[in-house]
Amino acid sequence: MAGAELNDILRRVASGDLTVAEAMGRLATPAFEDLGFAKVDHHRRARCGFPEVIFCPGKTPEQIVEIARSLSARRHTVLASRADAAAAAALAEAFPACRHNPVARTLVLPGTEPTPRLPGTVLIVCAGTSDLPVAEEARETAEALGCSVRCLSDVGVAGIHRLLAHQAELREAAVVVAIAGMEGALPSVVSGLVDVPVIAVPTSVGYGAHLGGLTPLLAMLNSCASGVVVVNIDNGFGAAYNAALVCRTAARFAQRAMP
């Protein structure tokens, strides 16, 4: 149950609009909704900090819409990832307020309970223009989870002066998501310039022995820079989710440290 929903129940009990028995019934509602084909985890936000996200591949457009409707009814922001044209059309028809990013293959439907804003900036650094679909997925995800996001595009090591021109922005970030294909060198370079976590994303962009992203994946896993962690090939979503957790954790410990 989301915080706003619990607060609403307590306020209505205090004002007499809701009896204790009615409130107990509301609180006893299962933490997930069984749609038959899916069990929608409504407790995910309370447990993990962020609502469940819809991974679209393998689901029919009708199933995706029903899951989105279930999440939206609980006031959650709805994020659908890897949506093809049919899924995007179905969601747009069912929810005219949703925002579609065809490059990222995402759709976002804002919740009626605002997503708490997280401190710090997630800086997404993208090696080449061909890596932009992964970078856009990361950006849409991080913003949906409450992060402030900035992006640097086409700053790969083939022209490293393009990256070095943004050293001030690199130093100001709370966490960096570094996205690269080819030989995957960018995250190591970035990590040598900053004192914050660098989340590396290998992409399936490259020639021949690039092996569909395996070459940059192995290169990033073997980075000589100490601050690099790596997610799977083309996984902009996973990188952004972890970046949001970094910001969320920092905020929680900062609050605990306040007198």
Protein backbone atom coordinates (compact mmCIF):
# COMPACT_ATOMS: atom_id res chain seq x y z
CA MET A 1 0.00 0.00 0.00
CA ALA A 2 1.40 3.40 -1.00
CA GLY A 3 2.00 6.08 1.63
CA ALA A 4 -0.69 8.41 0.33
CA GLU A 5 -3.30 5.62 0.40
CA LEU A 6 -2.44 4.74 4.01
CA ASN A 7 -2.53 8.41 5.03
CA ASP A 8 -5.94 8.78 3.36
CA ILE A 9 -7.33 5.83 5.34
CA LEU A 10 -6.00 7.19 8.65
CA ARG A 11 -7.38 10.67 7.95
CA ARG A 12 -10.82 9.27 7.10
CA VAL A 13 -10.88 7.20 10.31
CA ALA A 14 -9.91 10.27 12.33
CA SER A 15 -12.64 12.37 10.72
CA GLY A 16 -15.29 9.67 11.14
CA ASP A 17 -15.79 9.13 7.40
CA LEU A 18 -14.49 5.56 7.74
CA THR A 19 -15.16 3.10 10.55
CA VAL A 20 -12.38 1.11 12.16
CA ALA A 21 -13.88 -2.09 10.69
CA GLU A 22 -13.94 -0.55 7.20
CA ALA A 23 -10.35 0.61 7.60
CA MET A 24 -9.28 -2.85 8.71
CA GLY A 25 -10.92 -4.27 5.61
CA ARG A 26 -9.01 -1.86 3.40
CA LEU A 27 -5.73 -2.65 5.15
CA ALA A 28 -6.34 -6.39 4.78
CA THR A 29 -6.46 -6.10 0.98
CA PRO A 30 -3.91 -8.50 -0.55
CA ALA A 31 -0.56 -7.00 -1.48
CA PHE A 32 -0.97 -8.25 -5.04
CA GLU A 33 -3.84 -8.41 -7.50
CA ASP A 34 -4.37 -11.70 -9.33
CA LEU A 35 -5.40 -11.02 -12.93
CA GLY A 36 -5.20 -14.69 -13.85
CA PHE A 37 -2.31 -14.22 -16.29
CA ALA A 38 -0.34 -11.98 -13.90
CA LYS A 39 -0.09 -11.22 -10.19
CA VAL A 40 0.45 -7.47 -9.99
CA ASP A 41 2.71 -6.58 -7.06
CA HIS A 42 1.09 -3.54 -5.44
CA HIS A 43 3.41 -3.78 -2.43
CA ARG A 44 6.54 -3.30 -4.54
CA ARG A 45 6.78 0.43 -3.90
CA ALA A 46 6.41 0.11 -0.12
CA ARG A 47 8.88 -2.78 -0.05
CA CYS A 48 11.47 -1.68 -2.62
CA GLY A 49 10.89 2.04 -3.07
CA PHE A 50 9.53 1.97 -6.61
CA PRO A 51 6.39 0.47 -8.21
CA GLU A 52 6.46 -2.62 -10.38
CA VAL A 53 7.49 -1.96 -13.99
CA ILE A 54 5.83 -3.64 -16.99
CA PHE A 55 8.25 -5.58 -19.22
CA CYS A 56 6.26 -5.77 -22.46
CA PRO A 57 7.89 -8.52 -24.59
CA GLY A 58 5.97 -11.78 -24.43
CA LYS A 59 2.78 -10.09 -23.26
CA THR A 60 -0.20 -9.29 -25.47
CA PRO A 61 -1.30 -5.65 -25.79
CA GLU A 62 -4.47 -6.55 -23.86
CA GLN A 63 -2.47 -8.03 -20.99
CA ILE A 64 -0.21 -4.97 -20.86
CA VAL A 65 -3.22 -2.64 -20.69
CA GLU A 66 -4.81 -4.67 -17.88
CA ILE A 67 -1.60 -4.64 -15.83
CA ALA A 68 -1.25 -0.88 -16.41
CA ARG A 69 -4.86 -0.36 -15.35
CA SER A 70 -4.24 -2.32 -12.14
CA LEU A 71 -1.13 -0.30 -11.28
CA SER A 72 -2.75 3.02 -12.18
CA ALA A 73 -5.75 2.29 -9.95
CA ARG A 74 -3.36 2.27 -6.99
CA ARG A 75 -2.10 5.76 -7.90
CA HIS A 76 1.26 4.42 -9.07
CA THR A 77 3.29 5.89 -11.89
CA VAL A 78 3.22 3.27 -14.64
CA LEU A 79 6.37 2.56 -16.65
CA ALA A 80 6.20 0.11 -19.55
CA SER A 81 9.52 -0.91 -21.09
CA ARG A 82 10.46 -2.50 -24.43
CA ALA A 83 7.04 -1.72 -25.89
CA ASP A 84 6.58 -2.57 -29.57
CA ALA A 85 4.23 -0.64 -31.88
CA ALA A 86 1.18 -2.74 -30.97
CA ALA A 87 1.74 -2.38 -27.22
CA ALA A 88 2.37 1.35 -27.56
CA ALA A 89 -0.82 1.85 -29.59
CA ALA A 90 -2.92 -0.11 -27.09
CA LEU A 91 -1.57 1.81 -24.09
CA ALA A 92 -1.95 5.18 -25.82
CA GLU A 93 -5.57 4.38 -26.65
CA ALA A 94 -6.37 3.19 -23.12
CA PHE A 95 -4.45 5.99 -21.38
CA PRO A 96 -4.32 9.19 -23.48
CA ALA A 97 -2.21 10.88 -20.78
CA CYS A 98 0.68 8.44 -21.18
CA ARG A 99 3.94 9.61 -22.76
CA HIS A 100 5.47 7.43 -25.47
CA ASN A 101 9.16 7.55 -26.32
CA PRO A 102 9.57 5.45 -29.48
CA VAL A 103 13.39 5.63 -29.37
CA ALA A 104 13.47 4.27 -25.80
CA ARG A 105 10.48 1.97 -26.48
CA THR A 106 8.92 3.17 -23.22
CA LEU A 107 5.57 4.54 -22.12
CA VAL A 108 5.05 6.45 -18.88
CA LEU A 109 1.69 7.17 -17.27
CA PRO A 110 2.10 9.60 -14.33
CA GLY A 111 0.46 8.46 -11.11
CA THR A 112 -2.05 10.49 -9.14
CA GLU A 113 0.32 10.13 -6.19
CA PRO A 114 3.42 12.11 -7.24
CA THR A 115 6.69 10.20 -7.39
CA PRO A 116 8.99 11.53 -4.63
CA ARG A 117 11.89 13.48 -6.10
CA LEU A 118 15.33 12.15 -5.26
CA PRO A 119 18.37 14.34 -4.54
CA GLY A 120 21.42 14.41 -6.73
CA THR A 121 21.77 14.09 -10.48
CA VAL A 122 22.01 10.94 -12.57
CA LEU A 123 24.34 11.71 -15.47
CA ILE A 124 23.86 9.48 -18.50
CA VAL A 125 26.95 9.42 -20.71
CA CYS A 126 26.47 7.90 -24.14
CA ALA A 127 29.43 6.95 -26.34
CA GLY A 128 27.80 7.24 -29.76
CA THR A 129 24.58 8.22 -31.48
CA SER A 130 23.92 4.54 -32.23
CA ASP A 131 23.74 3.92 -28.46
CA LEU A 132 20.93 6.45 -27.98
CA PRO A 133 18.06 3.91 -27.72
CA VAL A 134 19.71 2.43 -24.62
CA ALA A 135 20.50 5.89 -23.25
CA GLU A 136 16.91 7.01 -23.78
CA GLU A 137 15.59 3.93 -21.99
CA ALA A 138 17.87 4.80 -19.07
CA ARG A 139 16.73 8.42 -19.06
CA GLU A 140 13.01 7.61 -19.16
CA THR A 141 13.44 5.04 -16.39
CA ALA A 142 15.45 7.30 -14.09
CA GLU A 143 13.00 10.18 -14.53
CA ALA A 144 10.00 7.92 -13.87
CA LEU A 145 11.66 6.81 -10.63
CA GLY A 146 12.08 10.39 -9.41
CA CYS A 147 15.62 11.23 -10.47
CA SER A 148 16.95 14.45 -11.91
CA VAL A 149 18.73 13.45 -15.12
CA ARG A 150 21.26 15.02 -17.45
CA CYS A 151 22.58 13.43 -20.62
CA LEU A 152 25.83 13.71 -22.57
CA SER A 153 25.56 12.19 -26.05
CA ASP A 154 28.24 11.17 -28.56
CA VAL A 155 31.22 11.59 -26.20
CA GLY A 156 32.98 8.28 -26.89
CA VAL A 157 36.72 7.68 -26.66
CA ALA A 158 37.26 8.00 -30.43
CA GLY A 159 37.15 11.74 -29.78
CA ILE A 160 37.94 11.88 -26.08
CA HIS A 161 38.19 15.68 -26.07
CA ARG A 162 34.38 15.68 -26.38
CA LEU A 163 34.11 13.94 -23.01
CA LEU A 164 36.83 16.00 -21.32
CA ALA A 165 34.95 19.18 -22.23
CA HIS A 166 32.26 18.09 -19.71
CA GLN A 167 34.44 17.40 -16.65
CA ALA A 168 32.51 19.85 -14.47
CA GLU A 169 29.24 18.03 -15.17
CA LEU A 170 30.91 14.68 -14.50
CA ARG A 171 32.14 15.86 -11.10
CA GLU A 172 28.71 17.21 -10.11
CA ALA A 173 26.86 13.93 -10.70
CA ALA A 174 25.70 11.68 -7.87
CA VAL A 175 26.03 8.61 -10.10
CA VAL A 176 27.04 8.12 -13.74
CA VAL A 177 25.51 5.69 -16.22
CA ALA A 178 28.10 5.13 -18.97
CA ILE A 179 26.79 3.49 -22.16
CA ALA A 180 29.04 2.20 -24.93
CA GLY A 181 29.31 -0.37 -27.68
CA MET A 182 32.33 -1.23 -29.84
CA GLU A 183 35.22 -2.00 -27.43
CA GLY A 184 33.38 -0.55 -24.41
CA ALA A 185 36.17 1.70 -23.11
CA LEU A 186 34.06 4.68 -22.05
CA PRO A 187 33.10 3.58 -18.49
CA SER A 188 36.75 3.04 -17.53
CA VAL A 189 37.67 6.52 -18.72
CA VAL A 190 34.72 8.08 -16.91
CA SER A 191 35.49 6.24 -13.68
CA GLY A 192 39.03 7.62 -13.79
CA LEU A 193 37.58 11.15 -13.66
CA VAL A 194 34.90 10.91 -10.93
CA ASP A 195 34.49 9.87 -7.28
CA VAL A 196 30.99 8.41 -7.62
CA PRO A 197 29.66 5.02 -8.80
CA VAL A 198 29.81 4.41 -12.55
CA ILE A 199 27.21 1.96 -13.87
CA ALA A 200 28.41 0.58 -17.19
CA VAL A 201 26.05 -0.56 -19.94
CA PRO A 202 27.47 -2.48 -22.90
CA THR A 203 25.42 -2.18 -26.06
CA SER A 204 24.91 -4.46 -29.05
CA VAL A 205 26.42 -1.81 -31.34
CA GLY A 206 29.57 -2.85 -33.20
CA TYR A 207 31.17 -4.86 -35.96
CA GLY A 208 31.94 -8.58 -36.38
CA ALA A 209 33.98 -9.70 -33.37
CA HIS A 210 31.98 -7.32 -31.25
CA LEU A 211 29.71 -10.38 -30.91
CA GLY A 212 26.45 -8.53 -30.31
CA GLY A 213 27.70 -6.78 -27.17
CA LEU A 214 29.77 -9.57 -25.64
CA THR A 215 33.07 -7.79 -26.36
CA PRO A 216 32.18 -4.57 -24.49
CA LEU A 217 30.53 -6.61 -21.73
CA LEU A 218 33.75 -8.51 -21.06
CA ALA A 219 35.82 -5.33 -21.39
CA MET A 220 33.67 -3.54 -18.81
CA LEU A 221 33.77 -6.52 -16.44
CA ASN A 222 37.57 -6.35 -16.67
CA SER A 223 37.83 -2.59 -16.21
CA CYS A 224 40.97 -1.43 -14.44
CA ALA A 225 38.99 1.47 -12.94
CA SER A 226 37.82 0.64 -9.42
CA GLY A 227 34.43 2.33 -9.46
CA VAL A 228 32.77 0.48 -12.36
CA VAL A 229 29.88 -1.95 -11.98
CA VAL A 230 28.26 -3.56 -15.02
CA VAL A 231 24.74 -4.48 -16.09
CA ASN A 232 23.67 -6.70 -18.98
CA ILE A 233 23.88 -5.88 -22.67
CA ASP A 234 21.50 -3.05 -23.72
CA ASN A 235 20.04 -2.92 -20.19
CA GLY A 236 19.47 0.81 -19.85
CA PHE A 237 16.51 0.07 -17.59
CA GLY A 238 18.58 -1.90 -15.09
CA ALA A 239 21.33 0.72 -15.01
CA ALA A 240 18.86 3.53 -14.35
CA TYR A 241 17.02 1.54 -11.67
CA ASN A 242 20.28 0.99 -9.81
CA ALA A 243 21.23 4.64 -10.22
CA ALA A 244 17.91 5.61 -8.63
CA LEU A 245 18.63 3.24 -5.73
CA VAL A 246 21.97 4.99 -5.20
CA CYS A 247 20.21 8.35 -4.98
CA ARG A 248 17.46 6.96 -2.76
CA THR A 249 19.93 5.35 -0.36
CA ALA A 250 21.98 8.53 -0.12
CA ALA A 251 18.83 10.51 0.69
CA ARG A 252 17.78 8.04 3.39
CA PHE A 253 21.13 8.14 5.17
CA ALA A 254 21.28 11.94 4.88
CA GLN A 255 17.90 12.14 6.65
CA ARG A 256 19.11 9.83 9.41
CA ALA A 257 22.16 12.02 9.94
CA MET A 258 20.06 15.16 10.47
CA PRO A 259 19.78 16.26 14.15
